[in-house]
C-alpha atoms as a PDB file:
ATOM      1  CA  MET A   1      -0.046  -0.190   0.113  1.00  0.00           C
ATOM      2  CA  ASN A   2       2.624   2.533   0.748  1.00  0.00           C
ATOM      3  CA  MET A   3       4.438   1.427  -2.483  1.00  0.00           C
ATOM      4  CA  LYS A   4       1.542   2.691  -4.196  1.00  0.00           C
ATOM      5  CA  MET A   5       1.141   5.519  -2.229  1.00  0.00           C
ATOM      6  CA  ASN A   6       4.888   6.467  -3.158  1.00  0.00           C
ATOM      7  CA  MET A   7       4.447   5.574  -6.663  1.00  0.00           C
ATOM      8  CA  LYS A   8       1.515   8.043  -6.990  1.00  0.00           C
ATOM      9  CA  LEU A   9       3.429  10.889  -5.175  1.00  0.00           C
ATOM     10  CA  GLN A  10       6.281  10.404  -7.419  1.00  0.00           C
ATOM     11  CA  LYS A  11       4.336  10.793 -10.372  1.00  0.00           C
ATOM     12  CA  ARG A  12       2.951  13.685  -9.140  1.00  0.00           C
ATOM     13  CA  SER A  13       6.190  15.364  -8.300  1.00  0.00           C
ATOM     14  CA  ILE A  14       7.506  14.571 -12.199  1.00  0.00           C
ATOM     15  CA  ALA A  15       3.991  15.555 -13.530  1.00  0.00           C
ATOM     16  CA  ALA A  16       4.450  18.877 -11.401  1.00  0.00           C
ATOM     17  CA  ALA A  17       7.778  19.388 -12.310  1.00  0.00           C
ATOM     18  CA  VAL A  18       7.483  19.187 -16.253  1.00  0.00           C
ATOM     19  CA  GLY A  19       4.767  21.608 -15.652  1.00  0.00           C
ATOM     20  CA  PHE A  20       6.303  24.017 -13.850  1.00  0.00           C
ATOM     21  CA  ALA A  21       9.413  23.616 -16.454  1.00  0.00           C
ATOM     22  CA  MET A  22       6.655  24.035 -19.532  1.00  0.00           C
ATOM     23  CA  ILE A  23       5.493  27.292 -17.928  1.00  0.00           C
ATOM     24  CA  LEU A  24       8.836  28.419 -17.271  1.00  0.00           C
ATOM     25  CA  ILE A  25       9.938  27.849 -21.161  1.00  0.00           C
ATOM     26  CA  MET A  26       6.713  29.183 -22.139  1.00  0.00           C
ATOM     27  CA  GLY A  27       7.353  32.542 -20.179  1.00  0.00           C
ATOM     28  CA  THR A  28      10.381  32.862 -21.504  1.00  0.00           C
ATOM     29  CA  ALA A  29       9.713  32.420 -25.052  1.00  0.00           C
ATOM     30  CA  LEU A  30       6.855  35.209 -24.715  1.00  0.00           C
ATOM     31  CA  GLN A  31       9.386  37.404 -23.216  1.00  0.00           C
ATOM     32  CA  GLU A  32      11.733  36.650 -26.229  1.00  0.00           C
ATOM     33  CA  ALA A  33       9.368  37.289 -28.841  1.00  0.00           C
ATOM     34  CA  PRO A  34       8.966  40.944 -28.194  1.00  0.00           C
ATOM     35  CA  ALA A  35      12.575  41.412 -28.465  1.00  0.00           C
ATOM     36  CA  GLN A  36      13.322  39.688 -31.464  1.00  0.00           C
ATOM     37  CA  LYS A  37      10.800  41.609 -32.900  1.00  0.00           C
ATOM     38  CA  LYS A  38      11.784  44.846 -31.997  1.00  0.00           C
ATOM     39  CA  SER A  39      15.006  43.965 -33.237  1.00  0.00           C
ATOM     40  CA  ARG A  40      13.782  43.015 -36.589  1.00  0.00           C
ATOM     41  CA  ASP A  41      11.918  45.680 -37.003  1.00  0.00           C
ATOM     42  CA  THR A  42      14.772  48.090 -36.193  1.00  0.00           C
ATOM     43  CA  ASN A  43      16.842  46.486 -38.471  1.00  0.00           C
ATOM     44  CA  SER A  44      14.367  47.222 -41.392  1.00  0.00           C
ATOM     45  CA  GLN A  45      14.123  50.802 -40.455  1.00  0.00           C
ATOM     46  CA  ILE A  46      17.823  51.063 -40.472  1.00  0.00           C
ATOM     47  CA  ARG A  47      17.844  49.755 -43.706  1.00  0.00           C
ATOM     48  CA  ARG A  48      15.550  51.723 -45.100  1.00  0.00           C
ATOM     49  CA  GLU A  49      16.530  54.959 -44.082  1.00  0.00           C
ATOM     50  CA  LEU A  50      20.300  53.874 -45.848  1.00  0.00           C
ATOM     51  CA  VAL A  51      18.819  52.633 -49.002  1.00  0.00           C
ATOM     52  CA  MET A  52      16.597  55.689 -49.199  1.00  0.00           C
ATOM     53  CA  LEU A  53      19.601  58.184 -49.082  1.00  0.00           C
ATOM     54  CA  ALA A  54      19.563  60.552 -52.279  1.00  0.00           C
ATOM     55  CA  ASN A  55      23.576  60.036 -52.916  1.00  0.00           C
ATOM     56  CA  TYR A  56      23.796  56.319 -52.261  1.00  0.00           C
ATOM     57  CA  SER A  57      25.059  55.258 -55.625  1.00  0.00           C
ATOM     58  CA  VAL A  58      26.714  51.818 -57.286  1.00  0.00           C
ATOM     59  CA  PHE A  59      30.136  53.185 -56.335  1.00  0.00           C
ATOM     60  CA  ASP A  60      29.347  53.188 -52.563  1.00  0.00           C
ATOM     61  CA  HIS A  61      28.595  50.660 -49.983  1.00  0.00           C
ATOM     62  CA  LEU A  62      26.588  50.932 -46.738  1.00  0.00           C
ATOM     63  CA  ALA A  63      26.491  48.384 -44.279  1.00  0.00           C
ATOM     64  CA  PHE A  64      25.335  48.531 -40.240  1.00  0.00           C
ATOM     65  CA  ARG A  65      25.280  46.709 -36.948  1.00  0.00           C
ATOM     66  CA  TYR A  66      22.577  47.001 -34.555  1.00  0.00           C
ATOM     67  CA  VAL A  67      23.296  46.255 -30.927  1.00  0.00           C
ATOM     68  CA  PRO A  68      20.306  46.473 -28.965  1.00  0.00           C
ATOM     69  CA  PRO A  69      18.673  48.132 -27.414  1.00  0.00           C
ATOM     70  CA  ASP A  70      20.026  51.386 -28.823  1.00  0.00           C
ATOM     71  CA  THR A  71      23.463  51.488 -30.479  1.00  0.00           C
ATOM     72  CA  VAL A  72      24.228  51.118 -34.271  1.00  0.00           C
ATOM     73  CA  GLU A  73      27.320  50.860 -35.652  1.00  0.00           C
ATOM     74  CA  LEU A  74      27.765  52.374 -39.487  1.00  0.00           C
ATOM     75  CA  LEU A  75      30.049  50.568 -42.067  1.00  0.00           C
ATOM     76  CA  GLY A  76      31.281  50.522 -45.564  1.00  0.00           C
ATOM     77  CA  ALA A  77      32.855  52.620 -47.890  1.00  0.00           C
ATOM     78  CA  VAL A  78      31.598  56.138 -49.709  1.00  0.00           C
ATOM     79  CA  THR A  79      32.992  58.214 -52.224  1.00  0.00           C
ATOM     80  CA  ARG A  80      31.721  61.652 -50.643  1.00  0.00           C
ATOM     81  CA  PRO A  81      32.225  62.568 -47.027  1.00  0.00           C
ATOM     82  CA  THR A  82      28.554  64.169 -46.889  1.00  0.00           C
ATOM     83  CA  LEU A  83      27.282  60.582 -47.616  1.00  0.00           C
ATOM     84  CA  LYS A  84      28.791  59.236 -44.408  1.00  0.00           C
ATOM     85  CA  SER A  85      27.589  62.136 -42.371  1.00  0.00           C
ATOM     86  CA  ASP A  86      23.834  61.553 -44.212  1.00  0.00           C
ATOM     87  CA  ALA A  87      23.657  58.269 -43.265  1.00  0.00           C
ATOM     88  CA  GLU A  88      24.510  58.797 -39.284  1.00  0.00           C
ATOM     89  CA  ALA A  89      21.884  61.648 -39.768  1.00  0.00           C
ATOM     90  CA  ALA A  90      19.393  59.195 -40.965  1.00  0.00           C
ATOM     91  CA  VAL A  91      19.819  56.230 -38.639  1.00  0.00           C
ATOM     92  CA  ARG A  92      19.499  58.952 -35.762  1.00  0.00           C
ATOM     93  CA  ASP A  93      15.765  59.509 -36.845  1.00  0.00           C
ATOM     94  CA  VAL A  94      15.258  55.852 -35.898  1.00  0.00           C
ATOM     95  CA  PRO A  95      13.191  55.546 -32.955  1.00  0.00           C
ATOM     96  CA  GLY A  96      15.053  54.063 -30.146  1.00  0.00           C
ATOM     97  CA  ILE A  97      18.589  54.794 -31.359  1.00  0.00           C
ATOM     98  CA  GLU A  98      20.563  56.967 -28.920  1.00  0.00           C
ATOM     99  CA  ARG A  99      24.081  55.918 -30.160  1.00  0.00           C
ATOM    100  CA  ILE A 100      25.974  55.801 -33.319  1.00  0.00           C
ATOM    101  CA  ILE A 101      29.490  54.655 -34.155  1.00  0.00           C
ATOM    102  CA  ASN A 102      30.571  55.680 -37.475  1.00  0.00           C
ATOM    103  CA  LYS A 103      32.945  53.737 -38.945  1.00  0.00           C
ATOM    104  CA  ILE A 104      32.035  54.123 -42.554  1.00  0.00           C
ATOM    105  CA  GLU A 105      35.334  54.634 -44.475  1.00  0.00           C
ATOM    106  CA  VAL A 106      35.463  57.779 -47.407  1.00  0.00           C
ATOM    107  CA  LEU A 107      37.529  56.567 -50.518  1.00  0.00           C
ATOM    108  CA  PRO A 108      40.221  59.027 -51.121  1.00  0.00           C
ATOM    109  CA  PRO A 109      39.618  61.020 -54.161  1.00  0.00           C
ATOM    110  CA  SER A 110      41.690  59.835 -57.221  1.00  0.00           C
ATOM    111  CA  PRO A 111      40.867  60.585 -60.817  1.00  0.00           C
ATOM    112  CA  ALA A 112      42.930  57.229 -61.835  1.00  0.00           C
ATOM    113  CA  ASP A 113      40.033  55.190 -59.818  1.00  0.00           C
ATOM    114  CA  ASP A 114      37.110  57.419 -60.986  1.00  0.00           C
ATOM    115  CA  ARG A 115      38.450  56.394 -64.726  1.00  0.00           C
ATOM    116  CA  ILE A 116      38.312  52.777 -63.458  1.00  0.00           C
ATOM    117  CA  ARG A 117      34.727  53.273 -61.913  1.00  0.00           C
ATOM    118  CA  VAL A 118      33.585  54.296 -65.270  1.00  0.00           C
ATOM    119  CA  ALA A 119      35.434  51.684 -66.825  1.00  0.00           C
ATOM    120  CA  LEU A 120      33.930  48.971 -64.532  1.00  0.00           C
ATOM    121  CA  TYR A 121      30.432  50.448 -64.734  1.00  0.00           C
ATOM    122  CA  ARG A 122      30.291  49.938 -68.407  1.00  0.00           C
ATOM    123  CA  ALA A 123      31.989  46.761 -68.657  1.00  0.00           C
ATOM    124  CA  ILE A 124      29.428  45.462 -65.910  1.00  0.00           C
ATOM    125  CA  PHE A 125      26.316  46.463 -66.827  1.00  0.00           C
ATOM    126  CA  ASN A 126      26.512  46.775 -70.520  1.00  0.00           C
ATOM    127  CA  HIS A 127      27.466  42.822 -70.523  1.00  0.00           C
ATOM    128  CA  ASP A 128      24.750  40.489 -71.900  1.00  0.00           C
ATOM    129  CA  GLN A 129      24.905  38.645 -68.653  1.00  0.00           C
ATOM    130  CA  LEU A 130      24.582  41.363 -66.375  1.00  0.00           C
ATOM    131  CA  PHE A 131      22.767  44.354 -67.847  1.00  0.00           C
ATOM    132  CA  ARG A 132      19.576  43.786 -65.548  1.00  0.00           C
ATOM    133  CA  TYR A 133      21.326  44.461 -62.461  1.00  0.00           C
ATOM    134  CA  GLY A 134      21.914  47.788 -63.685  1.00  0.00           C
ATOM    135  CA  LEU A 135      18.139  48.623 -64.394  1.00  0.00           C
ATOM    136  CA  ARG A 136      17.373  49.277 -60.558  1.00  0.00           C
ATOM    137  CA  ALA A 137      17.711  52.797 -58.992  1.00  0.00           C
ATOM    138  CA  VAL A 138      20.728  51.167 -57.215  1.00  0.00           C
ATOM    139  CA  PRO A 139      21.964  48.300 -58.487  1.00  0.00           C
ATOM    140  CA  SER A 140      22.538  45.466 -56.893  1.00  0.00           C
ATOM    141  CA  ILE A 141      26.065  45.016 -57.545  1.00  0.00           C
ATOM    142  CA  HIS A 142      28.492  47.961 -55.862  1.00  0.00           C
ATOM    143  CA  ILE A 143      31.756  48.678 -57.444  1.00  0.00           C
ATOM    144  CA  ILE A 144      34.367  49.918 -54.611  1.00  0.00           C
ATOM    145  CA  VAL A 145      37.231  51.166 -55.739  1.00  0.00           C
ATOM    146  CA  LYS A 146      40.574  51.920 -53.644  1.00  0.00           C
ATOM    147  CA  ASN A 147      44.347  52.954 -54.839  1.00  0.00           C
ATOM    148  CA  GLY A 148      43.333  50.853 -57.927  1.00  0.00           C
ATOM    149  CA  ASN A 149      42.035  48.007 -55.984  1.00  0.00           C
ATOM    150  CA  VAL A 150      38.272  46.481 -56.551  1.00  0.00           C
ATOM    151  CA  GLU A 151      35.880  45.279 -54.630  1.00  0.00           C
ATOM    152  CA  LEU A 152      32.705  43.592 -55.697  1.00  0.00           C
ATOM    153  CA  LEU A 153      29.919  43.597 -53.248  1.00  0.00           C
ATOM    154  CA  GLY A 154      26.097  43.201 -53.956  1.00  0.00           C
ATOM    155  CA  VAL A 155      23.911  40.231 -54.643  1.00  0.00           C
ATOM    156  CA  VAL A 156      23.361  38.253 -57.613  1.00  0.00           C
ATOM    157  CA  ALA A 157      20.873  35.602 -58.724  1.00  0.00           C
ATOM    158  CA  THR A 158      23.289  32.763 -59.560  1.00  0.00           C
ATOM    159  CA  GLU A 159      26.985  31.776 -59.412  1.00  0.00           C
ATOM    160  CA  THR A 160      27.299  31.927 -62.940  1.00  0.00           C
ATOM    161  CA  ASP A 161      26.552  36.124 -62.870  1.00  0.00           C
ATOM    162  CA  LYS A 162      29.138  36.070 -59.674  1.00  0.00           C
ATOM    163  CA  ALA A 163      31.474  34.518 -61.798  1.00  0.00           C
ATOM    164  CA  VAL A 164      31.197  36.393 -65.181  1.00  0.00           C
ATOM    165  CA  ALA A 165      31.195  39.722 -62.824  1.00  0.00           C
ATOM    166  CA  GLY A 166      34.910  38.597 -61.514  1.00  0.00           C
ATOM    167  CA  ILE A 167      35.798  37.791 -65.251  1.00  0.00           C
ATOM    168  CA  VAL A 168      34.350  40.887 -66.614  1.00  0.00           C
ATOM    169  CA  ALA A 169      36.088  43.306 -63.513  1.00  0.00           C
ATOM    170  CA  ASN A 170      39.304  41.598 -64.224  1.00  0.00           C
ATOM    171  CA  SER A 171      39.548  42.531 -68.211  1.00  0.00           C
ATOM    172  CA  VAL A 172      39.265  46.026 -67.401  1.00  0.00           C
ATOM    173  CA  PRO A 173      42.809  47.403 -67.635  1.00  0.00           C
ATOM    174  CA  GLY A 174      44.226  49.579 -64.857  1.00  0.00           C
ATOM    175  CA  ILE A 175      43.476  47.549 -62.057  1.00  0.00           C
ATOM    176  CA  PHE A 176      45.751  46.121 -59.612  1.00  0.00           C
ATOM    177  CA  SER A 177      43.365  43.580 -57.803  1.00  0.00           C
ATOM    178  CA  VAL A 178      39.699  42.203 -57.808  1.00  0.00           C
ATOM    179  CA  ALA A 179      38.075  40.961 -54.624  1.00  0.00           C
ATOM    180  CA  ASN A 180      34.678  39.053 -55.721  1.00  0.00           C
ATOM    181  CA  ASN A 181      32.492  39.495 -52.491  1.00  0.00           C
ATOM    182  CA  LEU A 182      29.213  38.952 -54.247  1.00  0.00           C
ATOM    183  CA  LEU A 183      26.674  36.886 -52.666  1.00  0.00           C
ATOM    184  CA  VAL A 184      24.379  34.719 -54.019  1.00  0.00           C
ATOM    185  CA  GLU A 185      20.487  34.661 -53.478  1.00  0.00           C
ATOM    186  CA  GLY A 186      19.237  32.145 -51.487  1.00  0.00           C
ATOM    187  CA  LYS A 187      22.863  30.745 -50.349  1.00  0.00           C
ATOM    188  CA  GLU A 188      25.479  32.954 -48.405  1.00  0.00           C
ATOM    189  CA  ASN A 189      22.934  35.462 -47.545  1.00  0.00           C
ATOM    190  CA  LYS A 190      20.175  33.087 -46.750  1.00  0.00           C
ATOM    191  CA  ARG A 191      21.205  30.642 -44.028  1.00  0.00           C
ATOM    192  CA  GLU A 192      20.282  29.796 -40.640  1.00  0.00           C
ATOM    193  CA  VAL A 193      21.727  31.458 -37.511  1.00  0.00           C
ATOM    194  CA  THR A 194      23.411  29.015 -35.337  1.00  0.00           C
ATOM    195  CA  SER A 195      23.135  28.913 -31.462  1.00  0.00           C
ATOM    196  CA  ASP A 196      26.751  29.610 -31.171  1.00  0.00           C
ATOM    197  CA  GLU A 197      26.802  32.722 -33.478  1.00  0.00           C
ATOM    198  CA  LEU A 198      23.916  34.258 -31.497  1.00  0.00           C
ATOM    199  CA  ARG A 199      26.611  34.532 -28.792  1.00  0.00           C
ATOM    200  CA  LEU A 200      28.810  36.397 -31.005  1.00  0.00           C
ATOM    201  CA  PRO A 201      28.072  40.172 -31.972  1.00  0.00           C
ATOM    202  CA  ALA A 202      25.594  40.660 -34.743  1.00  0.00           C
ATOM    203  CA  LYS A 203      26.734  40.150 -38.157  1.00  0.00           C
ATOM    204  CA  PRO A 204      26.715  43.693 -40.255  1.00  0.00           C
ATOM    205  CA  GLU A 205      23.636  44.122 -42.258  1.00  0.00           C
ATOM    206  CA  ALA A 206      24.405  45.102 -45.726  1.00  0.00           C
ATOM    207  CA  CYS A 207      22.111  47.626 -47.604  1.00  0.00           C
ATOM    208  CA  PHE A 208      21.976  46.378 -51.241  1.00  0.00           C
END
């Protein structure tokens, strides 16, 4: 009789413990959901403010890292100092943002780099495989030139497009090096974030 009563008590204790654990898990999930939604909304607002900047061009690259609850780190490289200050001013308009760390690099003025930019623009966006990327107000392929060195940034639809862009860029005379850092839709830029990565500083969000 005592054994049966003990077993019943043990079962009730286990059931109570499981129930309590479920309540804790559900409570934690309910607490995290609003924070995650706020983070997504803030990221979207920051991205929108940066992409809509009037002087943001194919020869600039802007990225940011949002550090909840109120800090934004601005990254990238731009051809005009005014774009650096405009980006900071635009992000200050996002509700809840109190602190901005502006690490945007202003590229040095260079007639030689300007010639390379024009030549690359024509070569890439006049190519049969790539011309469609130039039809947007701000093309999804960004061309960054510094002291004759080129970096391709942005997003393309296929691995073939990425490879062609790299080949075309390397065919332009006067360039010292080409870093092809284009992302391919559905691959590098769209993957699950692991639990280990969640403990690290947020990966910068690029504005393409």
